[in-house]
Amino acid sequence: MDVTNISLKLYNPRQVLEALTENRKVLQWLEFISNHYLPEPKHVLLLYPCSTIKPYILSRSYRMLYNTLFSLGNLREKIHVITVSEPFGLVPEEFYGKRIEWHDWEKDWYDCPGLFEWWCRKHNQLYSMEDFKKCVDILSDYVAKFLEKTKDRYKVRIAFVRTYTSKLRHSHNHTHFIIVKTASKKAGVKVEFHPPKRIVKRIVEKYGKCAWDFYGVAHPYAQKYLKFLLIKKISKVS
């Protein structure tokens, strides 16, 4: 059986787990990023959530992000963006839309909402918390290896992901937050998580719950905060 060609339409935790343990293309990528890939030194590592639309750069979330980064002028060069992805773990921005020997990020799209319980329930998919935890453990192991080996390549690490719900609570549906937070603990490498509760609260109070639920970190107010945060961090470590 050629496990390379197993579909990457992953609609429940069991399918995600199978991809993480059986799909050659996924495993090759995870091994490459955690064991072989080494980025250029930068001031800031910015971890950003993957998007439903692929390639990422075609999505609203990434257009908003890159508008924010472009507005920083020369400071942009000091920031390295890496996407947090299920099932691919981490995807550095220099690979967006790029073809390498065994993977083409322009064509090898994937659809992986399978770790979100709300999505599984909505679409009548079997949701297993046990499989979910196994997926988080596997992905966080790979991310931890990357954080550990690059601890001297960045001065600051920021995960700009969904940190709270619109009700200002943590949720197991915030998979990117959980994966990176778990990896940070495993590696013993500090990662700052943003936006903080006060920013989420401000968005909800001023624009409504749907504004945060729908747009998340791509919301203009969140992006305004991100710009301020990046300028502050770069000036502090320069």
C-alpha atoms as a PDB file:
ATOM      1  CA  MET A   1       0.000   0.000   0.000  1.00  0.00           C
ATOM      2  CA  ASP A   2       1.407   3.400  -0.995  1.00  0.00           C
ATOM      3  CA  VAL A   3       0.732   5.414   2.154  1.00  0.00           C
ATOM      4  CA  THR A   4       2.102   8.557   0.491  1.00  0.00           C
ATOM      5  CA  ASN A   5      -1.126   8.938  -1.433  1.00  0.00           C
ATOM      6  CA  ILE A   6      -3.528   8.511   1.476  1.00  0.00           C
ATOM      7  CA  SER A   7      -5.992  11.388   1.292  1.00  0.00           C
ATOM      8  CA  LEU A   8      -5.178  14.376   3.459  1.00  0.00           C
ATOM      9  CA  LYS A   9      -8.815  15.154   4.065  1.00  0.00           C
ATOM     10  CA  LEU A  10      -8.787  14.527   7.783  1.00  0.00           C
ATOM     11  CA  TYR A  11     -12.198  14.904   9.371  1.00  0.00           C
ATOM     12  CA  ASN A  12     -11.860  13.309  12.806  1.00  0.00           C
ATOM     13  CA  PRO A  13      -9.076  12.608  15.341  1.00  0.00           C
ATOM     14  CA  ARG A  14      -8.659   9.012  14.174  1.00  0.00           C
ATOM     15  CA  GLN A  15      -7.939  10.120  10.605  1.00  0.00           C
ATOM     16  CA  VAL A  16      -5.466  12.738  11.864  1.00  0.00           C
ATOM     17  CA  LEU A  17      -3.739  10.115  14.010  1.00  0.00           C
ATOM     18  CA  GLU A  18      -3.453   7.751  11.070  1.00  0.00           C
ATOM     19  CA  ALA A  19      -1.890  10.511   8.973  1.00  0.00           C
ATOM     20  CA  LEU A  20       0.614  11.251  11.739  1.00  0.00           C
ATOM     21  CA  THR A  21       1.643   7.613  11.995  1.00  0.00           C
ATOM     22  CA  GLU A  22       1.172   6.184   8.487  1.00  0.00           C
ATOM     23  CA  ASN A  23       1.325   8.888   5.824  1.00  0.00           C
ATOM     24  CA  ARG A  24       4.846   8.989   4.412  1.00  0.00           C
ATOM     25  CA  LYS A  25       4.532  12.542   3.114  1.00  0.00           C
ATOM     26  CA  VAL A  26       3.432  13.836   6.521  1.00  0.00           C
ATOM     27  CA  LEU A  27       6.121  11.887   8.344  1.00  0.00           C
ATOM     28  CA  GLN A  28       8.839  13.063   5.963  1.00  0.00           C
ATOM     29  CA  TRP A  29       7.854  16.668   6.565  1.00  0.00           C
ATOM     30  CA  LEU A  30       7.699  16.314  10.341  1.00  0.00           C
ATOM     31  CA  GLU A  31      11.125  14.678  10.391  1.00  0.00           C
ATOM     32  CA  PHE A  32      12.566  17.282   8.046  1.00  0.00           C
ATOM     33  CA  ILE A  33      11.440  20.259  10.120  1.00  0.00           C
ATOM     34  CA  SER A  34      12.308  18.775  13.505  1.00  0.00           C
ATOM     35  CA  ASN A  35      15.617  17.126  12.621  1.00  0.00           C
ATOM     36  CA  HIS A  36      17.133  18.703   9.489  1.00  0.00           C
ATOM     37  CA  TYR A  37      15.748  22.168   8.792  1.00  0.00           C
ATOM     38  CA  LEU A  38      17.620  25.061  10.413  1.00  0.00           C
ATOM     39  CA  PRO A  39      16.370  28.637   9.902  1.00  0.00           C
ATOM     40  CA  GLU A  40      18.468  31.773   9.665  1.00  0.00           C
ATOM     41  CA  PRO A  41      18.807  33.631  12.981  1.00  0.00           C
ATOM     42  CA  LYS A  42      16.085  36.255  13.526  1.00  0.00           C
ATOM     43  CA  HIS A  43      14.993  38.505  16.358  1.00  0.00           C
ATOM     44  CA  VAL A  44      11.443  37.132  16.487  1.00  0.00           C
ATOM     45  CA  LEU A  45       9.866  33.770  15.746  1.00  0.00           C
ATOM     46  CA  LEU A  46       6.185  34.398  15.017  1.00  0.00           C
ATOM     47  CA  LEU A  47       4.030  31.274  15.159  1.00  0.00           C
ATOM     48  CA  TYR A  48       0.725  31.811  13.359  1.00  0.00           C
ATOM     49  CA  PRO A  49      -2.252  29.451  12.875  1.00  0.00           C
ATOM     50  CA  CYS A  50      -2.891  27.705   9.584  1.00  0.00           C
ATOM     51  CA  SER A  51      -5.883  28.737   7.503  1.00  0.00           C
ATOM     52  CA  THR A  52      -8.803  26.844   6.023  1.00  0.00           C
ATOM     53  CA  ILE A  53      -7.902  28.181   2.584  1.00  0.00           C
ATOM     54  CA  LYS A  54      -4.753  26.753   1.036  1.00  0.00           C
ATOM     55  CA  PRO A  55      -2.205  27.938   0.118  1.00  0.00           C
ATOM     56  CA  TYR A  56      -2.194  30.032   3.287  1.00  0.00           C
ATOM     57  CA  ILE A  57      -1.234  33.244   1.518  1.00  0.00           C
ATOM     58  CA  LEU A  58      -4.561  33.254  -0.342  1.00  0.00           C
ATOM     59  CA  SER A  59      -6.553  33.409   2.900  1.00  0.00           C
ATOM     60  CA  ARG A  60      -7.874  36.544   4.543  1.00  0.00           C
ATOM     61  CA  SER A  61      -5.991  35.707   7.731  1.00  0.00           C
ATOM     62  CA  TYR A  62      -2.638  35.672   5.959  1.00  0.00           C
ATOM     63  CA  ARG A  63      -3.394  38.737   3.846  1.00  0.00           C
ATOM     64  CA  MET A  64      -4.084  40.589   7.079  1.00  0.00           C
ATOM     65  CA  LEU A  65      -0.890  39.231   8.637  1.00  0.00           C
ATOM     66  CA  TYR A  66       1.310  40.224   5.725  1.00  0.00           C
ATOM     67  CA  ASN A  67      -0.258  43.667   5.552  1.00  0.00           C
ATOM     68  CA  THR A  68       0.739  44.080   9.187  1.00  0.00           C
ATOM     69  CA  LEU A  69       4.255  42.826   8.536  1.00  0.00           C
ATOM     70  CA  PHE A  70       4.649  45.033   5.454  1.00  0.00           C
ATOM     71  CA  SER A  71       3.702  48.079   7.538  1.00  0.00           C
ATOM     72  CA  LEU A  72       6.728  47.449   9.762  1.00  0.00           C
ATOM     73  CA  GLY A  73       9.162  48.490   7.042  1.00  0.00           C
ATOM     74  CA  ASN A  74      12.721  47.274   7.625  1.00  0.00           C
ATOM     75  CA  LEU A  75      11.726  45.628  10.895  1.00  0.00           C
ATOM     76  CA  ARG A  76       9.998  42.958   8.823  1.00  0.00           C
ATOM     77  CA  GLU A  77      13.395  41.410   8.095  1.00  0.00           C
ATOM     78  CA  LYS A  78      13.827  40.622  11.776  1.00  0.00           C
ATOM     79  CA  ILE A  79      10.735  38.389  11.933  1.00  0.00           C
ATOM     80  CA  HIS A  80      10.402  34.757  10.874  1.00  0.00           C
ATOM     81  CA  VAL A  81       6.850  33.512  10.358  1.00  0.00           C
ATOM     82  CA  ILE A  82       6.072  29.828  10.825  1.00  0.00           C
ATOM     83  CA  THR A  83       2.617  28.329  10.446  1.00  0.00           C
ATOM     84  CA  VAL A  84       1.311  25.937  13.093  1.00  0.00           C
ATOM     85  CA  SER A  85      -0.454  23.161  11.218  1.00  0.00           C
ATOM     86  CA  GLU A  86      -2.285  19.908  11.722  1.00  0.00           C
ATOM     87  CA  PRO A  87      -0.998  17.471  10.532  1.00  0.00           C
ATOM     88  CA  PHE A  88       2.276  19.067   9.337  1.00  0.00           C
ATOM     89  CA  GLY A  89       3.361  20.580  12.646  1.00  0.00           C
ATOM     90  CA  LEU A  90       5.314  23.623  11.486  1.00  0.00           C
ATOM     91  CA  VAL A  91       5.520  25.168   8.013  1.00  0.00           C
ATOM     92  CA  PRO A  92       8.094  27.996   7.672  1.00  0.00           C
ATOM     93  CA  GLU A  93       7.063  30.876   5.429  1.00  0.00           C
ATOM     94  CA  GLU A  94       9.881  30.311   2.951  1.00  0.00           C
ATOM     95  CA  PHE A  95       8.130  27.091   1.913  1.00  0.00           C
ATOM     96  CA  TYR A  96       4.740  28.675   1.175  1.00  0.00           C
ATOM     97  CA  GLY A  97       3.953  27.764  -2.431  1.00  0.00           C
ATOM     98  CA  LYS A  98       7.334  26.106  -2.885  1.00  0.00           C
ATOM     99  CA  ARG A  99       8.102  22.688  -4.315  1.00  0.00           C
ATOM    100  CA  ILE A 100      10.760  20.525  -2.750  1.00  0.00           C
ATOM    101  CA  GLU A 101      11.797  17.041  -3.780  1.00  0.00           C
ATOM    102  CA  TRP A 102       8.926  15.205  -2.115  1.00  0.00           C
ATOM    103  CA  HIS A 103       6.402  17.927  -1.345  1.00  0.00           C
ATOM    104  CA  ASP A 104       4.757  20.712  -3.312  1.00  0.00           C
ATOM    105  CA  TRP A 105       3.191  23.324  -1.046  1.00  0.00           C
ATOM    106  CA  GLU A 106       1.490  24.898  -4.062  1.00  0.00           C
ATOM    107  CA  LYS A 107      -0.430  21.743  -4.984  1.00  0.00           C
ATOM    108  CA  ASP A 108      -0.367  19.360  -2.018  1.00  0.00           C
ATOM    109  CA  TRP A 109      -3.214  21.016  -0.182  1.00  0.00           C
ATOM    110  CA  TYR A 110      -4.855  19.422   2.811  1.00  0.00           C
ATOM    111  CA  ASP A 111      -8.034  19.823   4.807  1.00  0.00           C
ATOM    112  CA  CYS A 112      -7.727  19.016   8.488  1.00  0.00           C
ATOM    113  CA  PRO A 113     -10.529  20.214  10.794  1.00  0.00           C
ATOM    114  CA  GLY A 114     -10.545  16.789  12.434  1.00  0.00           C
ATOM    115  CA  LEU A 115      -9.165  17.854  15.816  1.00  0.00           C
ATOM    116  CA  PHE A 116     -11.935  20.389  16.427  1.00  0.00           C
ATOM    117  CA  GLU A 117     -14.696  18.789  18.472  1.00  0.00           C
ATOM    118  CA  TRP A 118     -17.261  21.408  17.408  1.00  0.00           C
ATOM    119  CA  TRP A 119     -16.556  20.639  13.741  1.00  0.00           C
ATOM    120  CA  CYS A 120     -16.796  16.890  14.241  1.00  0.00           C
ATOM    121  CA  ARG A 121     -20.096  17.195  16.097  1.00  0.00           C
ATOM    122  CA  LYS A 122     -21.514  19.507  13.449  1.00  0.00           C
ATOM    123  CA  HIS A 123     -20.577  17.141  10.622  1.00  0.00           C
ATOM    124  CA  ASN A 124     -21.458  13.869  12.370  1.00  0.00           C
ATOM    125  CA  GLN A 125     -17.857  12.737  12.673  1.00  0.00           C
ATOM    126  CA  LEU A 126     -16.769  10.456  15.501  1.00  0.00           C
ATOM    127  CA  TYR A 127     -14.750  12.465  18.024  1.00  0.00           C
ATOM    128  CA  SER A 128     -12.354  10.638  20.319  1.00  0.00           C
ATOM    129  CA  MET A 129     -10.623  12.590  23.096  1.00  0.00           C
ATOM    130  CA  GLU A 130      -8.135   9.750  23.426  1.00  0.00           C
ATOM    131  CA  ASP A 131      -7.120  10.070  19.767  1.00  0.00           C
ATOM    132  CA  PHE A 132      -7.069  13.861  20.105  1.00  0.00           C
ATOM    133  CA  LYS A 133      -4.588  13.633  22.990  1.00  0.00           C
ATOM    134  CA  LYS A 134      -2.402  11.209  21.042  1.00  0.00           C
ATOM    135  CA  CYS A 135      -2.309  13.660  18.103  1.00  0.00           C
ATOM    136  CA  VAL A 136      -1.374  16.546  20.388  1.00  0.00           C
ATOM    137  CA  ASP A 137       1.365  14.451  21.983  1.00  0.00           C
ATOM    138  CA  ILE A 138       2.864  13.480  18.612  1.00  0.00           C
ATOM    139  CA  LEU A 139       2.711  16.976  17.129  1.00  0.00           C
ATOM    140  CA  SER A 140       4.031  18.633  20.272  1.00  0.00           C
ATOM    141  CA  ASP A 141       7.002  16.239  20.294  1.00  0.00           C
ATOM    142  CA  TYR A 142       8.006  17.379  16.805  1.00  0.00           C
ATOM    143  CA  VAL A 143       7.446  21.047  17.618  1.00  0.00           C
ATOM    144  CA  ALA A 144       9.444  20.658  20.845  1.00  0.00           C
ATOM    145  CA  LYS A 145      12.401  19.273  18.893  1.00  0.00           C
ATOM    146  CA  PHE A 146      12.311  22.318  16.641  1.00  0.00           C
ATOM    147  CA  LEU A 147      12.093  24.742  19.577  1.00  0.00           C
ATOM    148  CA  GLU A 148      14.976  23.047  21.346  1.00  0.00           C
ATOM    149  CA  LYS A 149      17.316  22.967  18.372  1.00  0.00           C
ATOM    150  CA  THR A 150      16.554  26.618  17.462  1.00  0.00           C
ATOM    151  CA  LYS A 151      16.717  28.072  20.990  1.00  0.00           C
ATOM    152  CA  ASP A 152      19.767  30.119  19.985  1.00  0.00           C
ATOM    153  CA  ARG A 153      18.330  31.201  16.607  1.00  0.00           C
ATOM    154  CA  TYR A 154      15.633  33.543  17.974  1.00  0.00           C
ATOM    155  CA  LYS A 155      15.609  36.109  20.752  1.00  0.00           C
ATOM    156  CA  VAL A 156      11.837  36.052  21.228  1.00  0.00           C
ATOM    157  CA  ARG A 157       9.172  33.475  20.359  1.00  0.00           C
ATOM    158  CA  ILE A 158       5.559  34.593  19.975  1.00  0.00           C
ATOM    159  CA  ALA A 159       2.592  32.337  19.285  1.00  0.00           C
ATOM    160  CA  PHE A 160      -0.164  34.588  17.923  1.00  0.00           C
ATOM    161  CA  VAL A 161      -3.034  32.114  18.040  1.00  0.00           C
ATOM    162  CA  ARG A 162      -6.504  31.765  19.533  1.00  0.00           C
ATOM    163  CA  THR A 163      -5.772  31.955  23.245  1.00  0.00           C
ATOM    164  CA  TYR A 164      -9.321  32.413  24.540  1.00  0.00           C
ATOM    165  CA  THR A 165     -12.883  31.903  23.382  1.00  0.00           C
ATOM    166  CA  SER A 166     -15.256  34.859  23.069  1.00  0.00           C
ATOM    167  CA  LYS A 167     -16.404  33.856  26.567  1.00  0.00           C
ATOM    168  CA  LEU A 168     -12.782  34.422  27.701  1.00  0.00           C
ATOM    169  CA  ARG A 169     -12.110  30.772  28.457  1.00  0.00           C
ATOM    170  CA  HIS A 170      -9.514  28.287  27.292  1.00  0.00           C
ATOM    171  CA  SER A 171     -10.813  25.508  25.046  1.00  0.00           C
ATOM    172  CA  HIS A 172      -9.499  22.164  23.838  1.00  0.00           C
ATOM    173  CA  ASN A 173     -10.620  23.352  20.390  1.00  0.00           C
ATOM    174  CA  HIS A 174      -7.699  25.795  20.474  1.00  0.00           C
ATOM    175  CA  THR A 175      -5.401  23.127  19.097  1.00  0.00           C
ATOM    176  CA  HIS A 176      -2.587  25.443  17.999  1.00  0.00           C
ATOM    177  CA  PHE A 177      -2.378  26.937  21.479  1.00  0.00           C
ATOM    178  CA  ILE A 178      -2.376  23.497  23.102  1.00  0.00           C
ATOM    179  CA  ILE A 179       0.220  22.016  20.740  1.00  0.00           C
ATOM    180  CA  VAL A 180       2.679  24.903  21.095  1.00  0.00           C
ATOM    181  CA  LYS A 181       2.160  25.275  24.845  1.00  0.00           C
ATOM    182  CA  THR A 182       2.770  21.545  25.338  1.00  0.00           C
ATOM    183  CA  ALA A 183       5.836  21.688  23.082  1.00  0.00           C
ATOM    184  CA  SER A 184       7.203  24.694  24.966  1.00  0.00           C
ATOM    185  CA  LYS A 185       7.022  22.778  28.249  1.00  0.00           C
ATOM    186  CA  LYS A 186       8.603  19.669  26.736  1.00  0.00           C
ATOM    187  CA  ALA A 187      11.481  21.656  25.230  1.00  0.00           C
ATOM    188  CA  GLY A 188      11.966  23.985  28.180  1.00  0.00           C
ATOM    189  CA  VAL A 189      11.926  26.896  25.716  1.00  0.00           C
ATOM    190  CA  LYS A 190       9.813  29.973  26.466  1.00  0.00           C
ATOM    191  CA  VAL A 191       7.058  30.924  24.045  1.00  0.00           C
ATOM    192  CA  GLU A 192       4.861  33.963  24.665  1.00  0.00           C
ATOM    193  CA  PHE A 193       1.178  33.493  23.866  1.00  0.00           C
ATOM    194  CA  HIS A 194      -0.817  36.369  22.413  1.00  0.00           C
ATOM    195  CA  PRO A 195      -3.256  38.042  22.173  1.00  0.00           C
ATOM    196  CA  PRO A 196      -3.870  38.300  25.943  1.00  0.00           C
ATOM    197  CA  LYS A 197      -7.286  38.096  27.552  1.00  0.00           C
ATOM    198  CA  ARG A 198      -7.668  41.876  27.717  1.00  0.00           C
ATOM    199  CA  ILE A 199      -7.337  42.205  23.941  1.00  0.00           C
ATOM    200  CA  VAL A 200      -9.852  39.432  23.282  1.00  0.00           C
ATOM    201  CA  LYS A 201     -12.198  41.045  25.799  1.00  0.00           C
ATOM    202  CA  ARG A 202     -11.813  44.405  24.068  1.00  0.00           C
ATOM    203  CA  ILE A 203     -12.671  42.902  20.669  1.00  0.00           C
ATOM    204  CA  VAL A 204     -15.736  41.141  22.077  1.00  0.00           C
ATOM    205  CA  GLU A 205     -16.965  44.221  23.955  1.00  0.00           C
ATOM    206  CA  LYS A 206     -16.421  46.644  21.078  1.00  0.00           C
ATOM    207  CA  TYR A 207     -17.234  44.511  18.038  1.00  0.00           C
ATOM    208  CA  GLY A 208     -19.247  41.591  19.416  1.00  0.00           C
ATOM    209  CA  LYS A 209     -18.610  37.889  20.059  1.00  0.00           C
ATOM    210  CA  CYS A 210     -18.948  37.018  16.384  1.00  0.00           C
ATOM    211  CA  ALA A 211     -16.064  39.336  15.532  1.00  0.00           C
ATOM    212  CA  TRP A 212     -13.664  37.213  17.576  1.00  0.00           C
ATOM    213  CA  ASP A 213     -15.326  33.880  16.813  1.00  0.00           C
ATOM    214  CA  PHE A 214     -15.208  34.504  13.066  1.00  0.00           C
ATOM    215  CA  TYR A 215     -12.022  36.518  12.533  1.00  0.00           C
ATOM    216  CA  GLY A 216      -9.875  35.530  15.511  1.00  0.00           C
ATOM    217  CA  VAL A 217      -6.300  36.758  15.240  1.00  0.00           C
ATOM    218  CA  ALA A 218      -7.039  38.186  11.776  1.00  0.00           C
ATOM    219  CA  HIS A 219      -9.364  40.799  13.272  1.00  0.00           C
ATOM    220  CA  PRO A 220      -8.037  44.334  12.564  1.00  0.00           C
ATOM    221  CA  TYR A 221      -7.875  45.148  16.277  1.00  0.00           C
ATOM    222  CA  ALA A 222      -5.855  41.971  16.937  1.00  0.00           C
ATOM    223  CA  GLN A 223      -3.539  42.849  14.041  1.00  0.00           C
ATOM    224  CA  LYS A 224      -3.093  46.364  15.419  1.00  0.00           C
ATOM    225  CA  TYR A 225      -2.042  44.831  18.710  1.00  0.00           C
ATOM    226  CA  LEU A 226       0.312  42.435  16.903  1.00  0.00           C
ATOM    227  CA  LYS A 227       2.072  45.334  15.184  1.00  0.00           C
ATOM    228  CA  PHE A 228       2.534  47.135  18.493  1.00  0.00           C
ATOM    229  CA  LEU A 229       3.789  43.916  20.103  1.00  0.00           C
ATOM    230  CA  LEU A 230       6.344  43.188  17.373  1.00  0.00           C
ATOM    231  CA  ILE A 231       7.740  46.721  17.435  1.00  0.00           C
ATOM    232  CA  LYS A 232       8.026  46.566  21.219  1.00  0.00           C
ATOM    233  CA  LYS A 233       9.746  43.174  21.230  1.00  0.00           C
ATOM    234  CA  ILE A 234      12.204  44.023  18.467  1.00  0.00           C
ATOM    235  CA  SER A 235      13.195  47.319  20.066  1.00  0.00           C
ATOM    236  CA  LYS A 236      13.726  45.570  23.388  1.00  0.00           C
ATOM    237  CA  VAL A 237      16.048  42.830  22.070  1.00  0.00           C
ATOM    238  CA  SER A 238      17.906  44.866  19.431  1.00  0.00           C
END
